[in-house]
N, C-alpha and C. Protein backbone atom coordinates (compact mmCIF):
# COMPACT_ATOMS: atom_id res chain seq x y z
N MET A 1 29.84 12.46 -7.48
CA MET A 1 28.46 12.49 -7.96
C MET A 1 27.70 11.23 -7.53
N ARG A 2 28.36 10.08 -7.61
CA ARG A 2 27.69 8.84 -7.22
C ARG A 2 27.33 8.84 -5.74
N ARG A 3 28.23 9.38 -4.91
CA ARG A 3 27.95 9.44 -3.47
C ARG A 3 26.71 10.28 -3.18
N TRP A 4 26.59 11.41 -3.89
CA TRP A 4 25.42 12.26 -3.68
C TRP A 4 24.15 11.61 -4.23
N LEU A 5 24.27 10.93 -5.34
CA LEU A 5 23.10 10.24 -5.89
C LEU A 5 22.64 9.11 -4.99
N ASP A 6 23.59 8.42 -4.33
CA ASP A 6 23.22 7.37 -3.38
C ASP A 6 22.43 7.94 -2.21
N LYS A 7 22.72 9.17 -1.84
CA LYS A 7 21.97 9.82 -0.76
C LYS A 7 20.64 10.37 -1.26
N LEU A 8 20.62 10.80 -2.52
CA LEU A 8 19.41 11.40 -3.07
C LEU A 8 18.32 10.36 -3.34
N LEU A 9 18.71 9.15 -3.75
CA LEU A 9 17.75 8.13 -4.12
C LEU A 9 16.80 7.76 -2.98
N PRO A 10 17.30 7.44 -1.75
CA PRO A 10 16.33 7.11 -0.68
C PRO A 10 15.46 8.30 -0.29
N PHE A 11 16.02 9.52 -0.38
CA PHE A 11 15.23 10.70 -0.03
C PHE A 11 14.07 10.89 -1.00
N THR A 12 14.36 10.81 -2.30
CA THR A 12 13.31 10.99 -3.29
C THR A 12 12.30 9.85 -3.25
N SER A 13 12.77 8.63 -2.97
CA SER A 13 11.84 7.50 -2.84
C SER A 13 10.91 7.69 -1.66
N ALA A 14 11.46 8.18 -0.54
CA ALA A 14 10.63 8.44 0.64
C ALA A 14 9.60 9.53 0.34
N CYS A 15 10.02 10.58 -0.38
CA CYS A 15 9.09 11.66 -0.74
C CYS A 15 7.97 11.14 -1.63
N ALA A 16 8.31 10.28 -2.59
CA ALA A 16 7.29 9.74 -3.49
C ALA A 16 6.27 8.92 -2.72
N ALA A 17 6.75 8.06 -1.80
CA ALA A 17 5.84 7.24 -0.99
C ALA A 17 4.98 8.11 -0.09
N PHE A 18 5.60 9.11 0.55
CA PHE A 18 4.85 9.98 1.44
C PHE A 18 3.77 10.75 0.69
N CYS A 19 4.11 11.26 -0.49
CA CYS A 19 3.14 12.04 -1.26
C CYS A 19 1.95 11.19 -1.70
N GLN A 20 2.19 9.93 -2.04
CA GLN A 20 1.08 9.04 -2.38
C GLN A 20 0.11 8.90 -1.20
N GLY A 21 0.66 8.63 -0.02
CA GLY A 21 -0.18 8.48 1.17
C GLY A 21 -0.85 9.78 1.57
N TRP A 22 -0.11 10.88 1.46
CA TRP A 22 -0.66 12.20 1.79
C TRP A 22 -1.87 12.52 0.92
N CYS A 23 -1.72 12.33 -0.39
CA CYS A 23 -2.81 12.62 -1.33
C CYS A 23 -4.02 11.72 -1.06
N ALA A 24 -3.76 10.45 -0.76
CA ALA A 24 -4.87 9.55 -0.44
C ALA A 24 -5.60 10.01 0.81
N GLY A 25 -4.86 10.45 1.83
CA GLY A 25 -5.48 10.94 3.06
C GLY A 25 -6.30 12.19 2.84
N ILE A 26 -5.77 13.11 2.01
CA ILE A 26 -6.51 14.34 1.70
C ILE A 26 -7.82 14.01 0.98
N VAL A 27 -7.75 13.08 0.01
CA VAL A 27 -8.95 12.70 -0.73
C VAL A 27 -9.97 12.05 0.20
N LEU A 28 -9.52 11.16 1.07
CA LEU A 28 -10.45 10.47 1.97
C LEU A 28 -11.12 11.43 2.94
N GLU A 29 -10.42 12.50 3.30
CA GLU A 29 -11.02 13.50 4.19
C GLU A 29 -11.81 14.55 3.42
N GLY A 30 -11.64 14.59 2.09
CA GLY A 30 -12.35 15.58 1.29
C GLY A 30 -11.85 16.99 1.49
N GLN A 31 -10.54 17.15 1.70
CA GLN A 31 -9.97 18.47 1.94
C GLN A 31 -9.15 18.94 0.75
N SER A 32 -8.72 20.19 0.81
CA SER A 32 -7.86 20.76 -0.22
C SER A 32 -6.46 20.18 -0.10
N LEU A 33 -5.80 19.98 -1.24
CA LEU A 33 -4.44 19.45 -1.24
C LEU A 33 -3.45 20.38 -0.56
N LEU A 34 -3.81 21.67 -0.44
CA LEU A 34 -2.91 22.64 0.18
C LEU A 34 -3.10 22.71 1.69
N GLY A 35 -4.14 22.08 2.20
CA GLY A 35 -4.41 22.16 3.63
C GLY A 35 -3.61 21.14 4.43
N PHE A 36 -3.38 21.45 5.71
CA PHE A 36 -2.66 20.51 6.58
C PHE A 36 -3.67 19.63 7.30
N SER A 37 -3.32 18.36 7.43
CA SER A 37 -4.22 17.41 8.08
C SER A 37 -3.39 16.35 8.77
N LEU A 38 -3.69 16.10 10.04
CA LEU A 38 -3.00 15.04 10.77
C LEU A 38 -3.29 13.69 10.14
N TYR A 39 -4.51 13.50 9.67
CA TYR A 39 -4.88 12.24 9.03
C TYR A 39 -4.04 12.00 7.78
N ALA A 40 -3.91 13.03 6.94
CA ALA A 40 -3.10 12.90 5.72
C ALA A 40 -1.64 12.66 6.06
N LEU A 41 -1.15 13.34 7.10
CA LEU A 41 0.24 13.14 7.53
C LEU A 41 0.49 11.69 7.93
N LEU A 42 -0.44 11.14 8.72
CA LEU A 42 -0.29 9.74 9.15
C LEU A 42 -0.45 8.77 7.98
N CYS A 43 -1.31 9.13 7.01
CA CYS A 43 -1.42 8.28 5.80
C CYS A 43 -0.10 8.23 5.06
N GLY A 44 0.55 9.40 4.91
CA GLY A 44 1.84 9.45 4.25
C GLY A 44 2.89 8.64 4.98
N LEU A 45 2.95 8.80 6.30
CA LEU A 45 3.92 8.02 7.10
C LEU A 45 3.60 6.54 7.05
N GLY A 46 2.30 6.21 7.08
CA GLY A 46 1.91 4.79 7.06
C GLY A 46 2.32 4.10 5.78
N LEU A 47 2.16 4.81 4.65
CA LEU A 47 2.55 4.19 3.38
C LEU A 47 4.06 4.03 3.30
N MET A 48 4.81 5.00 3.83
CA MET A 48 6.26 4.86 3.87
C MET A 48 6.67 3.64 4.70
N VAL A 49 6.01 3.46 5.83
CA VAL A 49 6.36 2.35 6.71
C VAL A 49 6.03 1.00 6.07
N ILE A 50 4.88 0.89 5.42
CA ILE A 50 4.52 -0.39 4.81
C ILE A 50 5.44 -0.70 3.63
N TYR A 51 5.88 0.34 2.91
CA TYR A 51 6.88 0.12 1.85
C TYR A 51 8.21 -0.33 2.45
N LEU A 52 8.59 0.25 3.57
CA LEU A 52 9.83 -0.17 4.23
C LEU A 52 9.74 -1.62 4.71
N LEU A 53 8.56 -2.01 5.19
CA LEU A 53 8.35 -3.40 5.59
C LEU A 53 8.52 -4.33 4.39
N LEU A 54 7.91 -3.96 3.26
CA LEU A 54 8.08 -4.75 2.04
C LEU A 54 9.56 -4.80 1.62
N GLY A 55 10.23 -3.66 1.74
CA GLY A 55 11.63 -3.60 1.35
C GLY A 55 12.51 -4.51 2.20
N CYS A 56 12.24 -4.56 3.50
CA CYS A 56 13.02 -5.44 4.38
C CYS A 56 12.81 -6.90 4.02
N CYS A 57 11.57 -7.28 3.75
CA CYS A 57 11.29 -8.66 3.33
C CYS A 57 12.01 -8.97 2.02
N TRP A 58 11.98 -8.03 1.10
CA TRP A 58 12.63 -8.22 -0.20
C TRP A 58 14.14 -8.37 -0.04
N ILE A 59 14.73 -7.52 0.81
CA ILE A 59 16.18 -7.60 1.01
C ILE A 59 16.57 -8.91 1.66
N ARG A 60 15.78 -9.37 2.63
CA ARG A 60 16.08 -10.67 3.25
C ARG A 60 16.04 -11.78 2.22
N TRP A 61 15.07 -11.69 1.31
CA TRP A 61 14.92 -12.73 0.30
C TRP A 61 16.04 -12.67 -0.73
N ARG A 62 16.35 -11.46 -1.23
CA ARG A 62 17.28 -11.35 -2.35
C ARG A 62 18.75 -11.31 -1.94
N ILE A 63 19.06 -10.84 -0.74
CA ILE A 63 20.46 -10.71 -0.32
C ILE A 63 20.83 -11.77 0.71
N GLY A 64 19.95 -11.97 1.70
CA GLY A 64 20.18 -13.07 2.63
C GLY A 64 21.13 -12.74 3.77
N GLU A 65 22.07 -13.63 4.04
CA GLU A 65 22.86 -13.63 5.26
C GLU A 65 23.58 -12.31 5.60
N PRO A 66 24.21 -11.63 4.64
CA PRO A 66 24.97 -10.43 5.02
C PRO A 66 24.13 -9.38 5.77
N VAL A 67 22.84 -9.29 5.46
CA VAL A 67 22.01 -8.26 6.08
C VAL A 67 20.77 -8.85 6.75
N GLU A 68 20.70 -10.16 6.87
CA GLU A 68 19.46 -10.80 7.31
C GLU A 68 19.06 -10.41 8.73
N LEU A 69 20.02 -10.36 9.66
CA LEU A 69 19.69 -10.04 11.05
C LEU A 69 19.13 -8.63 11.17
N LEU A 70 19.79 -7.67 10.53
CA LEU A 70 19.32 -6.29 10.59
C LEU A 70 17.96 -6.15 9.91
N ALA A 71 17.81 -6.74 8.72
CA ALA A 71 16.55 -6.65 7.99
C ALA A 71 15.41 -7.30 8.77
N ASN A 72 15.70 -8.41 9.44
CA ASN A 72 14.67 -9.09 10.23
C ASN A 72 14.23 -8.23 11.41
N ALA A 73 15.19 -7.61 12.10
CA ALA A 73 14.85 -6.73 13.23
C ALA A 73 14.03 -5.53 12.75
N LEU A 74 14.41 -4.95 11.61
CA LEU A 74 13.66 -3.82 11.08
C LEU A 74 12.27 -4.22 10.62
N THR A 75 12.12 -5.46 10.14
CA THR A 75 10.81 -5.95 9.73
C THR A 75 9.84 -5.96 10.92
N TRP A 76 10.30 -6.47 12.05
CA TRP A 76 9.48 -6.45 13.27
C TRP A 76 9.12 -5.03 13.67
N PHE A 77 10.11 -4.14 13.64
CA PHE A 77 9.89 -2.75 14.02
C PHE A 77 8.85 -2.09 13.13
N PHE A 78 8.98 -2.28 11.82
CA PHE A 78 8.05 -1.65 10.89
C PHE A 78 6.66 -2.25 11.00
N TRP A 79 6.55 -3.54 11.36
CA TRP A 79 5.22 -4.13 11.58
C TRP A 79 4.52 -3.43 12.73
N VAL A 80 5.24 -3.21 13.83
CA VAL A 80 4.65 -2.54 15.00
C VAL A 80 4.22 -1.12 14.65
N VAL A 81 5.10 -0.38 13.99
CA VAL A 81 4.77 1.00 13.62
C VAL A 81 3.59 1.02 12.65
N ALA A 82 3.57 0.09 11.70
CA ALA A 82 2.49 0.07 10.70
C ALA A 82 1.13 -0.19 11.34
N ILE A 83 1.06 -1.14 12.26
CA ILE A 83 -0.26 -1.43 12.85
C ILE A 83 -0.70 -0.31 13.79
N VAL A 84 0.25 0.36 14.45
CA VAL A 84 -0.11 1.50 15.30
C VAL A 84 -0.68 2.64 14.43
N LEU A 85 -0.02 2.92 13.30
CA LEU A 85 -0.51 3.96 12.41
C LEU A 85 -1.86 3.59 11.80
N PHE A 86 -2.03 2.31 11.45
CA PHE A 86 -3.31 1.87 10.88
C PHE A 86 -4.45 2.07 11.87
N LEU A 87 -4.24 1.67 13.12
CA LEU A 87 -5.28 1.85 14.14
C LEU A 87 -5.56 3.32 14.39
N ALA A 88 -4.50 4.15 14.38
CA ALA A 88 -4.69 5.59 14.57
C ALA A 88 -5.52 6.18 13.44
N LEU A 89 -5.28 5.73 12.20
CA LEU A 89 -6.04 6.23 11.06
C LEU A 89 -7.51 5.80 11.13
N VAL A 90 -7.74 4.57 11.58
CA VAL A 90 -9.12 4.10 11.74
C VAL A 90 -9.85 4.94 12.78
N LEU A 91 -9.17 5.29 13.87
CA LEU A 91 -9.80 6.09 14.93
C LEU A 91 -10.01 7.54 14.49
N LEU A 92 -9.08 8.08 13.70
CA LEU A 92 -9.21 9.47 13.25
C LEU A 92 -10.32 9.64 12.21
N ASN A 93 -10.52 8.63 11.37
CA ASN A 93 -11.56 8.71 10.34
C ASN A 93 -12.30 7.37 10.27
N PRO A 94 -13.19 7.12 11.22
CA PRO A 94 -13.84 5.80 11.27
C PRO A 94 -15.00 5.62 10.30
N ASP A 95 -15.44 6.72 9.62
CA ASP A 95 -16.63 6.64 8.78
C ASP A 95 -16.56 5.56 7.69
N PRO A 96 -15.46 5.48 6.92
CA PRO A 96 -15.43 4.42 5.90
C PRO A 96 -15.55 3.02 6.49
N TRP A 97 -14.90 2.82 7.62
CA TRP A 97 -14.91 1.48 8.22
C TRP A 97 -16.26 1.16 8.86
N ARG A 98 -16.97 2.20 9.34
CA ARG A 98 -18.34 1.98 9.83
C ARG A 98 -19.23 1.53 8.70
N GLN A 99 -19.06 2.15 7.52
CA GLN A 99 -19.88 1.79 6.37
C GLN A 99 -19.60 0.36 5.94
N VAL A 100 -18.33 -0.02 5.94
CA VAL A 100 -17.97 -1.40 5.58
C VAL A 100 -18.57 -2.38 6.58
N TRP A 101 -18.43 -2.08 7.85
CA TRP A 101 -18.88 -3.01 8.89
C TRP A 101 -20.41 -3.11 8.95
N SER A 102 -21.11 -2.00 8.63
CA SER A 102 -22.58 -2.02 8.72
C SER A 102 -23.22 -2.78 7.57
N GLY A 103 -22.49 -2.95 6.47
CA GLY A 103 -23.04 -3.64 5.32
C GLY A 103 -22.57 -5.08 5.25
N ALA A 104 -22.39 -5.54 4.02
CA ALA A 104 -21.96 -6.92 3.80
C ALA A 104 -20.44 -7.05 3.81
N GLY A 105 -19.75 -5.96 4.19
CA GLY A 105 -18.29 -5.98 4.14
C GLY A 105 -17.62 -6.41 5.42
N LYS A 106 -18.39 -6.99 6.35
CA LYS A 106 -17.76 -7.45 7.59
C LYS A 106 -16.63 -8.43 7.31
N SER A 107 -16.79 -9.23 6.26
CA SER A 107 -15.75 -10.20 5.93
C SER A 107 -14.45 -9.51 5.54
N VAL A 108 -14.54 -8.32 4.93
CA VAL A 108 -13.33 -7.57 4.57
C VAL A 108 -12.60 -7.11 5.82
N CYS A 109 -13.35 -6.59 6.79
CA CYS A 109 -12.74 -6.16 8.06
C CYS A 109 -12.10 -7.34 8.79
N LEU A 110 -12.80 -8.46 8.82
CA LEU A 110 -12.25 -9.65 9.48
C LEU A 110 -11.02 -10.16 8.74
N LEU A 111 -11.05 -10.07 7.40
CA LEU A 111 -9.89 -10.49 6.62
C LEU A 111 -8.68 -9.61 6.92
N ILE A 112 -8.90 -8.30 7.03
CA ILE A 112 -7.79 -7.39 7.34
C ILE A 112 -7.19 -7.72 8.70
N ALA A 113 -8.06 -7.93 9.70
CA ALA A 113 -7.56 -8.30 11.03
C ALA A 113 -6.78 -9.62 10.99
N ALA A 114 -7.32 -10.59 10.24
CA ALA A 114 -6.64 -11.88 10.13
C ALA A 114 -5.29 -11.74 9.43
N LEU A 115 -5.21 -10.87 8.42
CA LEU A 115 -3.94 -10.69 7.71
C LEU A 115 -2.90 -9.99 8.57
N TRP A 116 -3.32 -9.06 9.43
CA TRP A 116 -2.38 -8.46 10.36
C TRP A 116 -1.78 -9.53 11.28
N LEU A 117 -2.65 -10.40 11.80
CA LEU A 117 -2.16 -11.47 12.67
C LEU A 117 -1.33 -12.49 11.90
N MET A 118 -1.75 -12.77 10.67
CA MET A 118 -1.00 -13.72 9.84
C MET A 118 0.39 -13.18 9.51
N LEU A 119 0.47 -11.86 9.29
CA LEU A 119 1.77 -11.25 9.02
C LEU A 119 2.67 -11.35 10.24
N LEU A 120 2.10 -11.13 11.41
CA LEU A 120 2.88 -11.28 12.64
C LEU A 120 3.38 -12.71 12.79
N PHE A 121 2.51 -13.67 12.53
CA PHE A 121 2.91 -15.08 12.64
C PHE A 121 3.97 -15.43 11.59
N SER A 122 3.84 -14.87 10.38
CA SER A 122 4.82 -15.17 9.33
C SER A 122 6.18 -14.56 9.66
N LEU A 123 6.20 -13.41 10.34
CA LEU A 123 7.47 -12.83 10.77
C LEU A 123 8.18 -13.74 11.77
N TYR A 124 7.38 -14.43 12.55
CA TYR A 124 7.94 -15.32 13.57
C TYR A 124 8.31 -16.68 13.01
N ARG A 125 7.53 -17.16 12.04
CA ARG A 125 7.63 -18.56 11.66
C ARG A 125 8.16 -18.81 10.25
N PHE A 126 7.82 -17.94 9.29
CA PHE A 126 8.09 -18.23 7.89
C PHE A 126 9.18 -17.32 7.33
N GLY A 127 9.55 -17.60 6.09
CA GLY A 127 10.60 -16.86 5.41
C GLY A 127 10.09 -15.59 4.75
N PRO A 128 11.00 -14.84 4.13
CA PRO A 128 10.63 -13.53 3.57
C PRO A 128 9.64 -13.60 2.41
N ARG A 129 9.64 -14.68 1.64
CA ARG A 129 8.70 -14.75 0.52
C ARG A 129 7.26 -14.82 1.01
N VAL A 130 7.03 -15.60 2.06
CA VAL A 130 5.68 -15.66 2.65
C VAL A 130 5.30 -14.31 3.24
N GLN A 131 6.27 -13.67 3.89
CA GLN A 131 6.01 -12.35 4.47
C GLN A 131 5.64 -11.33 3.39
N LEU A 132 6.35 -11.38 2.27
CA LEU A 132 6.02 -10.50 1.16
C LEU A 132 4.60 -10.74 0.65
N GLY A 133 4.27 -12.01 0.47
CA GLY A 133 2.94 -12.35 -0.03
C GLY A 133 1.83 -11.89 0.90
N VAL A 134 2.01 -12.12 2.21
CA VAL A 134 0.99 -11.72 3.18
C VAL A 134 0.87 -10.20 3.23
N THR A 135 2.00 -9.50 3.17
CA THR A 135 1.96 -8.04 3.20
C THR A 135 1.24 -7.47 1.98
N LEU A 136 1.49 -8.04 0.82
CA LEU A 136 0.79 -7.60 -0.39
C LEU A 136 -0.71 -7.87 -0.30
N LEU A 137 -1.08 -9.02 0.25
CA LEU A 137 -2.50 -9.32 0.46
C LEU A 137 -3.13 -8.33 1.44
N LEU A 138 -2.39 -7.98 2.47
CA LEU A 138 -2.89 -7.01 3.45
C LEU A 138 -3.12 -5.65 2.80
N ILE A 139 -2.19 -5.20 1.98
CA ILE A 139 -2.35 -3.92 1.28
C ILE A 139 -3.58 -3.96 0.38
N ALA A 140 -3.75 -5.06 -0.36
CA ALA A 140 -4.91 -5.19 -1.24
C ALA A 140 -6.21 -5.18 -0.45
N ALA A 141 -6.23 -5.86 0.70
CA ALA A 141 -7.44 -5.92 1.52
C ALA A 141 -7.78 -4.55 2.10
N VAL A 142 -6.77 -3.81 2.55
CA VAL A 142 -7.02 -2.47 3.09
C VAL A 142 -7.55 -1.55 1.99
N LEU A 143 -6.97 -1.61 0.79
CA LEU A 143 -7.46 -0.80 -0.32
C LEU A 143 -8.90 -1.16 -0.68
N ALA A 144 -9.21 -2.46 -0.67
CA ALA A 144 -10.58 -2.89 -0.94
C ALA A 144 -11.53 -2.37 0.13
N GLY A 145 -11.10 -2.42 1.39
CA GLY A 145 -11.93 -1.92 2.47
C GLY A 145 -12.20 -0.42 2.36
N VAL A 146 -11.16 0.35 2.04
CA VAL A 146 -11.32 1.79 1.88
C VAL A 146 -12.25 2.10 0.71
N ALA A 147 -12.05 1.41 -0.42
CA ALA A 147 -12.91 1.63 -1.59
C ALA A 147 -14.36 1.31 -1.26
N TRP A 148 -14.58 0.22 -0.53
CA TRP A 148 -15.93 -0.17 -0.12
C TRP A 148 -16.51 0.88 0.82
N GLY A 149 -15.67 1.41 1.70
CA GLY A 149 -16.15 2.35 2.70
C GLY A 149 -16.55 3.70 2.16
N ILE A 150 -15.97 4.13 1.03
CA ILE A 150 -16.31 5.45 0.50
C ILE A 150 -17.26 5.38 -0.71
N TYR A 151 -17.54 4.17 -1.20
CA TYR A 151 -18.44 4.02 -2.35
C TYR A 151 -19.82 4.60 -2.04
N PRO A 152 -20.47 5.35 -2.93
CA PRO A 152 -20.11 5.64 -4.34
C PRO A 152 -19.32 6.93 -4.53
N TRP A 153 -18.69 7.42 -3.47
CA TRP A 153 -17.98 8.69 -3.57
C TRP A 153 -16.57 8.48 -4.14
N LEU A 154 -16.14 9.45 -4.96
CA LEU A 154 -14.74 9.52 -5.36
C LEU A 154 -13.99 10.37 -4.35
N ILE A 155 -14.59 11.52 -4.00
CA ILE A 155 -14.14 12.33 -2.87
C ILE A 155 -15.33 12.39 -1.91
N PRO A 156 -15.21 11.83 -0.70
CA PRO A 156 -16.36 11.71 0.20
C PRO A 156 -17.12 13.01 0.38
N ARG A 157 -18.44 12.92 0.18
CA ARG A 157 -19.39 14.01 0.38
C ARG A 157 -19.17 15.22 -0.54
N GLN A 158 -18.34 15.06 -1.57
CA GLN A 158 -18.11 16.15 -2.51
C GLN A 158 -18.33 15.74 -3.97
N LEU A 159 -17.79 14.60 -4.36
CA LEU A 159 -17.85 14.20 -5.76
C LEU A 159 -18.01 12.69 -5.83
N ASN A 160 -19.13 12.23 -6.44
CA ASN A 160 -19.32 10.79 -6.54
C ASN A 160 -18.85 10.27 -7.90
N LEU A 161 -18.84 8.96 -8.04
CA LEU A 161 -18.30 8.34 -9.24
C LEU A 161 -19.11 8.68 -10.48
N HIS A 162 -20.41 8.83 -10.32
CA HIS A 162 -21.27 9.11 -11.47
C HIS A 162 -21.04 10.53 -11.99
N GLU A 163 -20.86 11.48 -11.08
CA GLU A 163 -20.61 12.86 -11.49
C GLU A 163 -19.25 13.03 -12.15
N SER A 164 -18.27 12.23 -11.73
CA SER A 164 -16.91 12.40 -12.23
C SER A 164 -16.60 11.51 -13.43
N ALA A 165 -17.54 10.65 -13.82
CA ALA A 165 -17.29 9.70 -14.90
C ALA A 165 -17.15 10.41 -16.25
N SER A 166 -16.23 9.91 -17.08
CA SER A 166 -16.06 10.44 -18.43
C SER A 166 -17.16 9.88 -19.34
N SER A 167 -17.16 10.34 -20.57
CA SER A 167 -18.15 9.85 -21.53
C SER A 167 -17.87 8.39 -21.88
N SER A 168 -18.86 7.73 -22.43
CA SER A 168 -18.70 6.31 -22.77
C SER A 168 -17.62 6.10 -23.83
N VAL A 169 -17.44 7.08 -24.73
CA VAL A 169 -16.39 6.97 -25.76
C VAL A 169 -15.01 7.00 -25.11
N THR A 170 -14.82 7.92 -24.17
CA THR A 170 -13.53 8.02 -23.48
C THR A 170 -13.26 6.75 -22.67
N GLN A 171 -14.29 6.27 -21.96
CA GLN A 171 -14.11 5.05 -21.17
C GLN A 171 -13.76 3.86 -22.06
N GLY A 172 -14.39 3.75 -23.22
CA GLY A 172 -14.08 2.66 -24.13
C GLY A 172 -12.66 2.74 -24.66
N PHE A 173 -12.20 3.97 -24.95
CA PHE A 173 -10.83 4.16 -25.43
C PHE A 173 -9.82 3.75 -24.36
N VAL A 174 -10.05 4.20 -23.13
CA VAL A 174 -9.13 3.86 -22.03
C VAL A 174 -9.16 2.36 -21.76
N LEU A 175 -10.34 1.76 -21.78
CA LEU A 175 -10.45 0.32 -21.54
C LEU A 175 -9.69 -0.48 -22.59
N THR A 176 -9.77 -0.04 -23.84
CA THR A 176 -9.04 -0.72 -24.91
C THR A 176 -7.53 -0.63 -24.68
N GLY A 177 -7.07 0.56 -24.29
CA GLY A 177 -5.64 0.73 -24.01
C GLY A 177 -5.18 -0.12 -22.84
N VAL A 178 -5.99 -0.15 -21.79
CA VAL A 178 -5.64 -0.96 -20.62
C VAL A 178 -5.62 -2.44 -20.97
N ALA A 179 -6.57 -2.89 -21.81
CA ALA A 179 -6.64 -4.30 -22.20
C ALA A 179 -5.39 -4.74 -22.96
N VAL A 180 -4.72 -3.78 -23.61
CA VAL A 180 -3.49 -4.10 -24.34
C VAL A 180 -2.26 -3.94 -23.45
N VAL A 181 -2.20 -2.84 -22.72
CA VAL A 181 -1.00 -2.49 -21.97
C VAL A 181 -0.79 -3.40 -20.76
N ILE A 182 -1.85 -3.69 -20.00
CA ILE A 182 -1.69 -4.48 -18.78
C ILE A 182 -1.13 -5.87 -19.04
N PRO A 183 -1.66 -6.65 -20.00
CA PRO A 183 -1.05 -7.97 -20.25
C PRO A 183 0.41 -7.89 -20.68
N VAL A 184 0.75 -6.90 -21.54
CA VAL A 184 2.14 -6.75 -21.97
C VAL A 184 3.03 -6.41 -20.78
N THR A 185 2.55 -5.53 -19.91
CA THR A 185 3.33 -5.17 -18.72
C THR A 185 3.53 -6.36 -17.80
N LEU A 186 2.47 -7.14 -17.58
CA LEU A 186 2.58 -8.32 -16.72
C LEU A 186 3.54 -9.35 -17.31
N ILE A 187 3.47 -9.56 -18.61
CA ILE A 187 4.37 -10.51 -19.26
C ILE A 187 5.83 -10.05 -19.13
N TYR A 188 6.05 -8.77 -19.38
CA TYR A 188 7.42 -8.24 -19.30
C TYR A 188 7.98 -8.37 -17.89
N HIS A 189 7.20 -7.94 -16.89
CA HIS A 189 7.70 -7.99 -15.51
C HIS A 189 7.86 -9.42 -15.02
N THR A 190 6.98 -10.32 -15.45
CA THR A 190 7.13 -11.72 -15.08
C THR A 190 8.43 -12.29 -15.66
N TRP A 191 8.71 -11.97 -16.92
CA TRP A 191 9.92 -12.45 -17.56
C TRP A 191 11.17 -11.86 -16.88
N SER A 192 11.17 -10.54 -16.63
CA SER A 192 12.34 -9.91 -16.01
C SER A 192 12.54 -10.41 -14.59
N PHE A 193 11.44 -10.67 -13.87
CA PHE A 193 11.56 -11.21 -12.52
C PHE A 193 12.16 -12.61 -12.56
N TRP A 194 11.77 -13.40 -13.54
CA TRP A 194 12.30 -14.75 -13.66
C TRP A 194 13.80 -14.73 -13.97
N VAL A 195 14.21 -13.79 -14.83
CA VAL A 195 15.62 -13.68 -15.19
C VAL A 195 16.47 -13.33 -13.96
N PHE A 196 15.95 -12.45 -13.11
CA PHE A 196 16.72 -11.98 -11.95
C PHE A 196 16.19 -12.59 -10.64
N HIS A 197 15.67 -13.82 -10.71
CA HIS A 197 15.02 -14.37 -9.51
C HIS A 197 16.00 -14.86 -8.46
N GLY A 198 17.25 -15.07 -8.80
CA GLY A 198 18.22 -15.57 -7.83
C GLY A 198 18.65 -14.49 -6.84
N ARG A 199 19.38 -14.92 -5.82
CA ARG A 199 19.86 -13.95 -4.83
C ARG A 199 20.99 -13.12 -5.40
N VAL A 200 21.09 -11.88 -4.91
CA VAL A 200 22.16 -10.99 -5.32
C VAL A 200 23.46 -11.46 -4.69
N LYS A 201 24.52 -11.53 -5.48
CA LYS A 201 25.82 -11.98 -4.96
C LYS A 201 26.87 -10.87 -5.14
């Protein structure tokens, strides 16, 4: 049973990552979730690849020498695949990025380009912790760019944020819950990370 579960875990993790990217691609294109789309397919693959890049950096940091050479080689490979997929997605659906670039969001586009180059430099020069940090910043910058590019739409050209907004009572209830849950979650994860911060032996 353990052998089969060891095989099932990476498969289900890959499916979860792919589905997140697929759904994001479908929403950005404004299509039905049941429809096939090359853009959504590449979004799913892109998210899987960026997660694999993060995973390689994490493994290098937490495990070290036993797997460092292989993890380092895979990190370079996933960086190349990730930037190719990112450029392909920009070319397939350039509208959000045109909106960002035409407004005051040029700095976001320049930041994303700088973070791609900084990640490449960190793979060459720095350790896995720096690589993890730069990769997380890159993910945040890309999400900010996409959000800026589709604003005020929730689903481009179909549903905007004002039409989809809940009532003020519902928003206040959710905000109160988030104000309580998020700090507790951050405190818990910070504490658990500190407890297990050493390398795996």
